[in-house]
Amino acid sequence: MLEKIKTLKNPKVWIPVSAIIVLLVASLSVWFATRDDDIIYMTEKVRTGNISQVVEATGEVAAVNLVSVGAQVSGQIKKLYVVLGQEVKQGEMIAEIDSQTQENTLNTDRAKLDNYKAQLEARKIILNISRKQYERELVLIKTNSTSQQNLENARDAYATARANVNEMESLIRQTQIAINTDETNLGYTKIRAPLNGTIVSVPVEEGQTVNANQTTPTIVQIANLNDMEIDIEISEGDITKVKPGMDVDYTILSEPNTVFHAKLDSIDPGLTTLTDGSYDKSGSSGSSGSSSSTAAVYYYGRAYVDNPDGKLRIGMMTQNTIHVSSAENVLIVPSITVTSRQGKHAVRVLTDKNKVERRNVEVGISDGVFTEIRSGLSEGELVISSEVSKGEQVGETSRMRRPRI
């Protein structure tokens, strides 16, 4: 063992070994440097194609005309003439409320009217008598056949009689108005359909008592299911891209492979919570405001569609594609190859001499996957999408190698 150690310490032996180690380290450094400089570029060819910029959004089907038919008088629901899903015509009877109270009020006011009319006739007779007496006193006073006191008494009696007649005529007019109101309230006990449509909700039952003095109770809801609308929730980030008149393609959950077509008819001016009546501007301050300010903001875009076959139903969810713009037979490249800085766009081009050239380009529309190139590139050129060194590629390949069995 001591001999072996001495041999290793022999300078004649150590020098060649050291030289070999130095050469090995140097060669490895050169090899790794070569690998770092040797880069493989993943490229995509500039080609001609069609591109369409779209906005994707979810929506909900609603009826254009949805009316809540309520009770305008209080009472017990005596009869319901419709059931859920029934088709009704405008003016058709829907429900009837017990009308006994309204009938009694009407009969009472009619009796008052008859009484007032009788009193009016009696007062008119008194008025006629007092008028004649006053006229007689006027004639007699000219010949000094009556006193001034008698003339004044006759004049006062005539004025009183005339006022009594006017009073009774006013009471008659008031009572007639009350009768008209009573007849209207009596008519309210018979609830009729305000439009042609389908009964989509019946939240009450026969025998139930409704109180119209507190809130207007809903008896039924009627909708015209032939004319529907899609309420599309457009995000704040997309709202400036869309405008009325754009084409909309949509699908429903039950038929995901069937594409329906419509037009974007309108866009609400305020966010969805404002349209729905739940917007609270005061909530923007304080701790509650901090949470609400971070919530996503959406705006309703509305597309009106015909529904002759009844396929669309209220509350259905839709997946909508709004076509913002499109271009045909234009140069396109993958969007990942385009970089943007301070409003300028550029791509990296791999030339015929395998040189990388950074080139400014003018871009058009983008669908998120491809981007239109309006200038700066020619068809057939290669743009760089990614790069990897050969060392990394070998490493990836070795890691993906199948294990031995």
Protein backbone atom coordinates (compact mmCIF):
# COMPACT_ATOMS: atom_id res chain seq x y z
CA MET A 1 0.00 0.00 0.00
CA LEU A 2 2.86 2.38 0.83
CA GLU A 3 4.42 1.57 -2.51
CA LYS A 4 1.30 2.45 -4.37
CA ILE A 5 1.12 5.78 -2.63
CA LYS A 6 4.63 6.60 -3.53
CA THR A 7 3.99 5.74 -7.12
CA LEU A 8 1.07 8.19 -7.23
CA LYS A 9 3.20 10.88 -5.77
CA ASN A 10 5.81 10.40 -8.43
CA PRO A 11 6.01 13.68 -10.40
CA LYS A 12 6.61 11.83 -13.60
CA VAL A 13 3.24 10.16 -13.24
CA TRP A 14 1.27 13.23 -11.90
CA ILE A 15 2.11 15.59 -14.74
CA PRO A 16 0.49 13.53 -17.52
CA VAL A 17 -2.60 12.92 -15.38
CA SER A 18 -3.01 16.67 -14.69
CA ALA A 19 -2.65 17.48 -18.34
CA ILE A 20 -5.34 14.99 -19.23
CA ILE A 21 -7.75 16.50 -16.68
CA VAL A 22 -7.16 20.05 -17.95
CA LEU A 23 -7.72 18.99 -21.54
CA LEU A 24 -10.90 17.15 -20.57
CA VAL A 25 -12.35 20.18 -18.74
CA ALA A 26 -11.47 22.47 -21.64
CA SER A 27 -13.07 20.18 -24.17
CA LEU A 28 -16.25 19.94 -22.08
CA SER A 29 -16.45 23.75 -21.86
CA VAL A 30 -16.18 24.08 -25.61
CA TRP A 31 -18.80 21.37 -26.10
CA PHE A 32 -21.30 23.06 -23.80
CA ALA A 33 -20.64 26.46 -25.39
CA THR A 34 -21.31 24.98 -28.78
CA ARG A 35 -24.55 23.46 -27.54
CA ASP A 36 -25.71 26.80 -26.03
CA ASP A 37 -25.09 28.59 -29.31
CA ASP A 38 -26.74 25.91 -31.40
CA ILE A 39 -30.47 26.83 -31.14
CA ILE A 40 -33.37 25.14 -32.84
CA TYR A 41 -36.13 27.54 -33.94
CA MET A 42 -39.77 26.51 -34.20
CA THR A 43 -41.23 28.43 -37.13
CA GLU A 44 -44.59 29.04 -38.76
CA LYS A 45 -45.08 29.94 -42.39
CA VAL A 46 -46.82 33.17 -43.30
CA ARG A 47 -49.88 32.14 -45.27
CA THR A 48 -53.06 33.49 -46.79
CA GLY A 49 -56.32 32.73 -45.04
CA ASN A 50 -59.59 33.99 -43.63
CA ILE A 51 -59.87 35.41 -40.13
CA SER A 52 -62.76 36.53 -37.99
CA GLN A 53 -62.67 38.53 -34.76
CA VAL A 54 -65.40 37.44 -32.38
CA VAL A 55 -66.60 38.04 -28.84
CA GLU A 56 -67.73 35.02 -26.86
CA ALA A 57 -70.41 35.50 -24.20
CA THR A 58 -73.12 33.62 -22.38
CA GLY A 59 -76.76 34.63 -22.44
CA GLU A 60 -80.24 33.78 -21.27
CA VAL A 61 -83.46 33.39 -23.22
CA ALA A 62 -86.33 35.65 -22.15
CA ALA A 63 -89.74 36.57 -23.53
CA VAL A 64 -90.01 39.96 -25.19
CA ASN A 65 -93.50 40.40 -23.77
CA LEU A 66 -93.89 39.00 -20.26
CA VAL A 67 -96.78 40.49 -18.32
CA SER A 68 -97.67 39.96 -14.67
CA VAL A 69 -101.45 40.08 -14.37
CA GLY A 70 -102.41 41.23 -10.89
CA ALA A 71 -105.52 41.80 -8.82
CA GLN A 72 -106.58 45.43 -8.42
CA VAL A 73 -109.17 44.68 -5.75
CA SER A 74 -109.04 42.64 -2.58
CA GLY A 75 -111.02 39.50 -2.00
CA GLN A 76 -111.09 35.75 -2.28
CA ILE A 77 -110.23 34.08 -5.58
CA LYS A 78 -113.54 32.52 -6.51
CA LYS A 79 -112.51 30.82 -9.75
CA LEU A 80 -109.36 30.20 -11.80
CA TYR A 81 -110.12 29.61 -15.47
CA VAL A 82 -106.59 28.81 -16.68
CA VAL A 83 -103.79 26.35 -15.97
CA LEU A 84 -100.05 26.52 -16.46
CA GLY A 85 -99.05 26.33 -20.13
CA GLN A 86 -102.51 27.18 -21.46
CA GLU A 87 -102.80 29.40 -24.53
CA VAL A 88 -105.06 32.42 -24.01
CA LYS A 89 -106.46 35.18 -26.20
CA GLN A 90 -106.66 38.84 -25.31
CA GLY A 91 -109.80 39.50 -23.26
CA GLU A 92 -110.25 35.86 -22.26
CA MET A 93 -111.29 35.25 -18.64
CA ILE A 94 -108.41 34.25 -16.38
CA ALA A 95 -109.78 34.45 -12.84
CA GLU A 96 -112.69 35.78 -10.83
CA ILE A 97 -112.55 37.35 -7.37
CA ASP A 98 -115.54 37.27 -5.02
CA SER A 99 -117.45 40.45 -5.91
CA GLN A 100 -119.93 40.67 -3.02
CA THR A 101 -118.19 43.65 -1.39
CA GLN A 102 -117.96 45.55 -4.67
CA GLU A 103 -121.60 44.84 -5.52
CA ASN A 104 -122.75 46.08 -2.11
CA THR A 105 -120.78 49.30 -2.47
CA LEU A 106 -122.20 49.86 -5.94
CA ASN A 107 -125.79 49.28 -4.80
CA THR A 108 -125.33 51.63 -1.83
CA ASP A 109 -124.06 54.45 -4.03
CA ARG A 110 -126.84 53.88 -6.54
CA ALA A 111 -129.39 54.23 -3.74
CA LYS A 112 -127.70 57.46 -2.63
CA LEU A 113 -127.94 58.74 -6.18
CA ASP A 114 -131.68 58.04 -6.33
CA ASN A 115 -132.17 59.81 -2.98
CA TYR A 116 -130.17 62.84 -4.09
CA LYS A 117 -132.12 63.08 -7.31
CA ALA A 118 -135.40 63.09 -5.36
CA GLN A 119 -134.09 65.78 -3.02
CA LEU A 120 -132.99 67.80 -6.03
CA GLU A 121 -136.50 67.80 -7.44
CA ALA A 122 -137.90 68.98 -4.09
CA ARG A 123 -135.32 71.73 -3.84
CA LYS A 124 -136.03 72.83 -7.38
CA ILE A 125 -139.70 73.27 -6.40
CA ILE A 126 -138.68 75.37 -3.40
CA LEU A 127 -136.37 77.35 -5.67
CA ASN A 128 -139.19 78.02 -8.10
CA ILE A 129 -141.52 79.19 -5.29
CA SER A 130 -138.90 81.46 -3.74
CA ARG A 131 -138.07 82.93 -7.15
CA LYS A 132 -141.72 83.82 -7.79
CA GLN A 133 -142.07 85.34 -4.31
CA TYR A 134 -139.00 87.48 -4.86
CA GLU A 135 -140.26 88.66 -8.25
CA ARG A 136 -143.63 89.60 -6.66
CA GLU A 137 -141.94 91.62 -3.95
CA LEU A 138 -139.96 93.48 -6.60
CA VAL A 139 -143.22 94.56 -8.28
CA LEU A 140 -144.90 95.54 -5.01
CA ILE A 141 -141.99 97.62 -3.79
CA LYS A 142 -142.37 99.94 -6.78
CA THR A 143 -145.88 100.95 -5.62
CA ASN A 144 -144.96 100.95 -1.95
CA SER A 145 -147.34 98.00 -1.48
CA THR A 146 -144.75 96.04 0.54
CA SER A 147 -142.00 96.81 2.93
CA GLN A 148 -138.28 96.78 2.28
CA GLN A 149 -137.96 94.05 4.91
CA ASN A 150 -140.30 91.73 2.98
CA LEU A 151 -138.28 92.30 -0.19
CA GLU A 152 -135.02 91.44 1.54
CA ASN A 153 -136.52 88.31 3.12
CA ALA A 154 -137.78 87.13 -0.27
CA ARG A 155 -134.38 87.77 -1.85
CA ASP A 156 -132.58 85.80 0.89
CA ALA A 157 -135.00 82.89 0.59
CA TYR A 158 -134.47 82.78 -3.16
CA ALA A 159 -130.67 82.80 -2.79
CA THR A 160 -130.81 80.02 -0.18
CA ALA A 161 -133.02 77.86 -2.40
CA ARG A 162 -130.68 78.33 -5.33
CA ALA A 163 -127.66 77.35 -3.17
CA ASN A 164 -129.50 74.24 -1.97
CA VAL A 165 -130.13 73.18 -5.55
CA ASN A 166 -126.46 73.70 -6.45
CA GLU A 167 -125.40 71.69 -3.43
CA MET A 168 -127.60 68.77 -4.38
CA GLU A 169 -126.41 68.83 -7.99
CA SER A 170 -122.82 68.65 -6.70
CA LEU A 171 -123.69 65.66 -4.48
CA ILE A 172 -125.27 63.94 -7.46
CA ARG A 173 -122.10 64.44 -9.53
CA GLN A 174 -119.95 63.10 -6.70
CA THR A 175 -122.17 60.08 -6.29
CA GLN A 176 -122.11 59.42 -10.02
CA ILE A 177 -118.30 59.42 -9.91
CA ALA A 178 -118.42 57.00 -6.97
CA ILE A 179 -120.75 54.74 -8.95
CA ASN A 180 -118.36 54.79 -11.90
CA THR A 181 -115.54 53.78 -9.56
CA ASP A 182 -117.71 51.05 -8.05
CA GLU A 183 -118.49 49.68 -11.50
CA THR A 184 -114.79 49.72 -12.37
CA ASN A 185 -113.90 47.89 -9.16
CA LEU A 186 -116.63 45.38 -9.86
CA GLY A 187 -115.11 44.85 -13.29
CA TYR A 188 -111.72 44.28 -11.66
CA THR A 189 -113.11 41.19 -9.97
CA LYS A 190 -113.16 39.57 -13.41
CA ILE A 191 -109.53 39.33 -14.50
CA ARG A 192 -108.95 39.00 -18.24
CA ALA A 193 -105.90 38.40 -20.41
CA PRO A 194 -104.30 41.67 -21.58
CA LEU A 195 -102.62 40.01 -24.58
CA ASN A 196 -102.40 36.82 -26.59
CA GLY A 197 -99.91 34.42 -25.06
CA THR A 198 -99.16 31.46 -22.84
CA ILE A 199 -99.70 31.14 -19.10
CA VAL A 200 -96.15 30.73 -17.78
CA SER A 201 -96.83 31.15 -14.05
CA VAL A 202 -99.82 30.68 -11.72
CA PRO A 203 -98.63 31.58 -8.20
CA VAL A 204 -102.13 31.52 -6.60
CA GLU A 205 -104.89 28.99 -6.00
CA GLU A 206 -108.66 29.05 -5.87
CA GLY A 207 -109.91 30.10 -2.44
CA GLN A 208 -106.82 32.18 -1.70
CA THR A 209 -107.44 35.71 -0.43
CA VAL A 210 -105.54 38.52 -2.08
CA ASN A 211 -104.96 41.96 -0.58
CA ALA A 212 -104.56 44.70 -3.16
CA ASN A 213 -104.20 47.41 -0.50
CA GLN A 214 -100.64 46.43 0.40
CA THR A 215 -99.03 45.12 -2.80
CA THR A 216 -100.49 44.20 -6.14
CA PRO A 217 -100.79 40.42 -5.96
CA THR A 218 -99.87 38.52 -9.12
CA ILE A 219 -102.55 36.12 -10.32
CA VAL A 220 -100.78 34.81 -13.45
CA GLN A 221 -97.92 35.68 -15.77
CA ILE A 222 -98.52 35.66 -19.51
CA ALA A 223 -95.80 35.62 -22.17
CA ASN A 224 -95.82 35.70 -25.93
CA LEU A 225 -93.47 32.80 -26.66
CA ASN A 226 -93.42 33.46 -30.40
CA ASP A 227 -91.13 36.46 -29.92
CA MET A 228 -88.10 35.86 -27.71
CA GLU A 229 -84.96 37.76 -26.83
CA ILE A 230 -81.50 36.62 -25.82
CA ASP A 231 -79.98 38.71 -23.05
CA ILE A 232 -76.25 38.42 -23.74
CA GLU A 233 -73.84 39.29 -20.91
CA ILE A 234 -70.97 41.15 -22.60
CA SER A 235 -67.93 41.74 -20.42
CA GLU A 236 -66.50 45.18 -19.77
CA GLY A 237 -63.36 44.20 -21.66
CA ASP A 238 -65.35 43.47 -24.83
CA ILE A 239 -68.15 46.05 -24.67
CA THR A 240 -66.37 48.65 -26.83
CA LYS A 241 -65.79 46.08 -29.58
CA VAL A 242 -69.45 45.33 -30.25
CA LYS A 243 -72.30 47.42 -31.62
CA PRO A 244 -75.91 46.85 -32.72
CA GLY A 245 -76.32 45.19 -36.09
CA MET A 246 -73.52 42.65 -35.68
CA ASP A 247 -74.22 39.01 -36.47
CA VAL A 248 -74.70 36.64 -33.55
CA ASP A 249 -74.42 32.85 -33.63
CA TYR A 250 -75.74 30.99 -30.61
CA THR A 251 -76.32 27.47 -29.37
CA ILE A 252 -78.45 26.01 -26.61
CA LEU A 253 -77.46 23.30 -24.16
CA SER A 254 -79.93 20.72 -25.49
CA GLU A 255 -78.65 21.12 -29.07
CA PRO A 256 -74.97 22.10 -28.81
CA ASN A 257 -74.25 21.16 -32.43
CA THR A 258 -77.05 23.28 -33.89
CA VAL A 259 -76.07 26.88 -34.57
CA PHE A 260 -78.82 29.51 -34.62
CA HIS A 261 -78.40 32.96 -36.14
CA ALA A 262 -79.55 36.39 -34.99
CA LYS A 263 -78.62 40.07 -34.98
CA LEU A 264 -77.45 42.13 -32.03
CA ASP A 265 -80.36 44.58 -31.77
CA SER A 266 -79.36 46.74 -28.82
CA ILE A 267 -76.86 47.22 -26.00
CA ASP A 268 -77.97 48.52 -22.61
CA PRO A 269 -76.34 51.81 -21.53
CA GLY A 270 -75.74 50.60 -17.97
CA LEU A 271 -74.31 47.49 -16.38
CA THR A 272 -76.51 44.46 -15.76
CA THR A 273 -77.12 45.24 -12.09
CA LEU A 274 -78.49 48.65 -13.08
CA THR A 275 -80.80 47.09 -15.65
CA ASP A 276 -81.96 44.47 -13.14
CA GLY A 277 -82.64 47.15 -10.52
CA SER A 278 -80.04 45.95 -8.01
CA TYR A 279 -77.35 48.57 -8.67
CA ASP A 280 -76.29 50.46 -5.54
CA LYS A 281 -73.87 53.29 -6.20
CA SER A 282 -73.52 53.99 -2.47
CA GLY A 283 -71.93 50.55 -2.10
CA SER A 284 -68.87 51.82 -3.94
CA SER A 285 -67.49 53.37 -0.74
CA GLY A 286 -66.25 51.66 2.37
CA SER A 287 -65.29 48.04 2.83
CA SER A 288 -68.24 46.73 0.90
CA GLY A 289 -67.30 48.96 -2.00
CA SER A 290 -63.83 47.45 -2.25
CA SER A 291 -65.29 44.01 -2.86
CA SER A 292 -67.92 45.25 -5.29
CA SER A 293 -65.35 47.25 -7.27
CA THR A 294 -63.41 44.06 -7.99
CA ALA A 295 -66.47 42.20 -9.27
CA ALA A 296 -66.72 41.56 -12.99
CA VAL A 297 -68.83 44.08 -14.90
CA TYR A 298 -71.19 43.01 -17.68
CA TYR A 299 -73.63 44.76 -20.01
CA TYR A 300 -76.71 43.28 -21.63
CA GLY A 301 -76.74 43.00 -25.38
CA ARG A 302 -80.14 41.97 -26.74
CA ALA A 303 -80.87 39.86 -29.78
CA TYR A 304 -84.53 39.40 -30.75
CA VAL A 305 -85.40 36.07 -32.35
CA ASP A 306 -88.52 34.41 -33.70
CA ASN A 307 -89.64 31.22 -31.99
CA PRO A 308 -92.40 29.75 -34.17
CA ASP A 309 -91.69 26.13 -33.20
CA GLY A 310 -91.44 26.89 -29.47
CA LYS A 311 -87.95 25.42 -29.23
CA LEU A 312 -86.67 28.30 -27.13
CA ARG A 313 -87.93 28.47 -23.56
CA ILE A 314 -87.67 31.16 -20.92
CA GLY A 315 -84.51 30.82 -18.85
CA MET A 316 -82.50 28.73 -21.33
CA MET A 317 -78.77 29.44 -21.30
CA THR A 318 -77.07 30.22 -24.61
CA GLN A 319 -73.49 30.30 -25.79
CA ASN A 320 -73.13 33.29 -28.09
CA THR A 321 -70.55 34.31 -30.65
CA ILE A 322 -70.72 37.95 -31.75
CA HIS A 323 -68.94 38.53 -35.06
CA VAL A 324 -67.05 41.80 -34.67
CA SER A 325 -65.14 41.87 -37.97
CA SER A 326 -63.70 39.53 -40.59
CA ALA A 327 -61.15 39.52 -43.41
CA GLU A 328 -60.75 37.11 -46.31
CA ASN A 329 -57.64 36.15 -48.27
CA VAL A 330 -55.25 38.08 -46.04
CA LEU A 331 -51.83 37.24 -44.64
CA ILE A 332 -52.06 35.62 -41.23
CA VAL A 333 -49.58 34.38 -38.63
CA PRO A 334 -50.05 32.72 -35.25
CA SER A 335 -50.72 35.35 -32.61
CA ILE A 336 -47.94 33.97 -30.40
CA THR A 337 -45.37 35.10 -32.97
CA VAL A 338 -46.38 38.76 -32.66
CA THR A 339 -44.92 40.93 -29.90
CA SER A 340 -46.18 44.37 -28.93
CA ARG A 341 -44.38 47.24 -27.27
CA GLN A 342 -45.59 50.83 -26.95
CA GLY A 343 -48.22 50.32 -29.60
CA LYS A 344 -45.78 48.85 -32.15
CA HIS A 345 -45.85 45.24 -33.32
CA ALA A 346 -43.00 43.05 -34.47
CA VAL A 347 -42.14 39.47 -35.39
CA ARG A 348 -38.90 37.53 -35.64
CA VAL A 349 -38.22 36.19 -39.12
CA LEU A 350 -35.89 33.29 -39.92
CA THR A 351 -34.24 34.24 -43.22
CA ASP A 352 -33.02 31.94 -45.98
CA LYS A 353 -29.52 32.20 -44.50
CA ASN A 354 -30.80 30.94 -41.13
CA LYS A 355 -30.39 34.40 -39.66
CA VAL A 356 -32.91 35.86 -37.20
CA GLU A 357 -34.31 39.22 -38.24
CA ARG A 358 -36.62 41.36 -36.11
CA ARG A 359 -39.18 43.05 -38.32
CA ASN A 360 -41.86 45.62 -37.58
CA VAL A 361 -45.30 44.77 -38.94
CA GLU A 362 -48.71 46.36 -39.21
CA VAL A 363 -51.39 44.10 -37.79
CA GLY A 364 -55.12 43.93 -38.43
CA ILE A 365 -57.74 41.91 -36.62
CA SER A 366 -57.07 38.90 -34.43
CA ASP A 367 -59.20 35.97 -33.38
CA GLY A 368 -56.90 35.11 -30.49
CA VAL A 369 -55.19 32.30 -32.41
CA PHE A 370 -54.19 34.05 -35.63
CA THR A 371 -53.42 37.70 -36.40
CA GLU A 372 -53.83 39.51 -39.69
CA ILE A 373 -50.63 41.03 -41.12
CA ARG A 374 -51.31 44.08 -43.28
CA SER A 375 -47.70 44.96 -44.06
CA GLY A 376 -44.16 43.92 -43.22
CA LEU A 377 -44.27 40.26 -44.27
CA SER A 378 -44.65 38.25 -47.44
CA GLU A 379 -46.42 34.97 -47.96
CA GLY A 380 -44.14 31.99 -47.39
CA GLU A 381 -41.73 33.69 -44.99
CA LEU A 382 -40.97 31.91 -41.73
CA VAL A 383 -41.77 33.57 -38.42
CA ILE A 384 -40.37 32.23 -35.17
CA SER A 385 -42.90 30.96 -32.64
CA SER A 386 -40.45 29.45 -30.11
CA GLU A 387 -36.89 28.27 -29.73
CA VAL A 388 -34.98 25.57 -27.89
CA SER A 389 -31.32 24.67 -27.65
CA LYS A 390 -30.23 21.25 -28.84
CA GLY A 391 -29.11 20.43 -25.33
CA GLU A 392 -32.57 21.12 -23.98
CA GLN A 393 -34.07 19.08 -26.79
CA VAL A 394 -31.81 16.12 -25.99
CA GLY A 395 -32.69 16.46 -22.34
CA GLU A 396 -36.38 16.49 -23.11
CA THR A 397 -35.97 13.49 -25.41
CA SER A 398 -34.09 11.49 -22.77
CA ARG A 399 -36.69 12.33 -20.16
CA MET A 400 -39.49 11.23 -22.48
CA ARG A 401 -37.73 7.96 -23.39
CA ARG A 402 -39.80 4.90 -22.51
CA PRO A 403 -38.52 2.91 -19.54
CA ARG A 404 -36.88 -0.45 -20.11
CA ILE A 405 -38.88 -3.55 -19.26
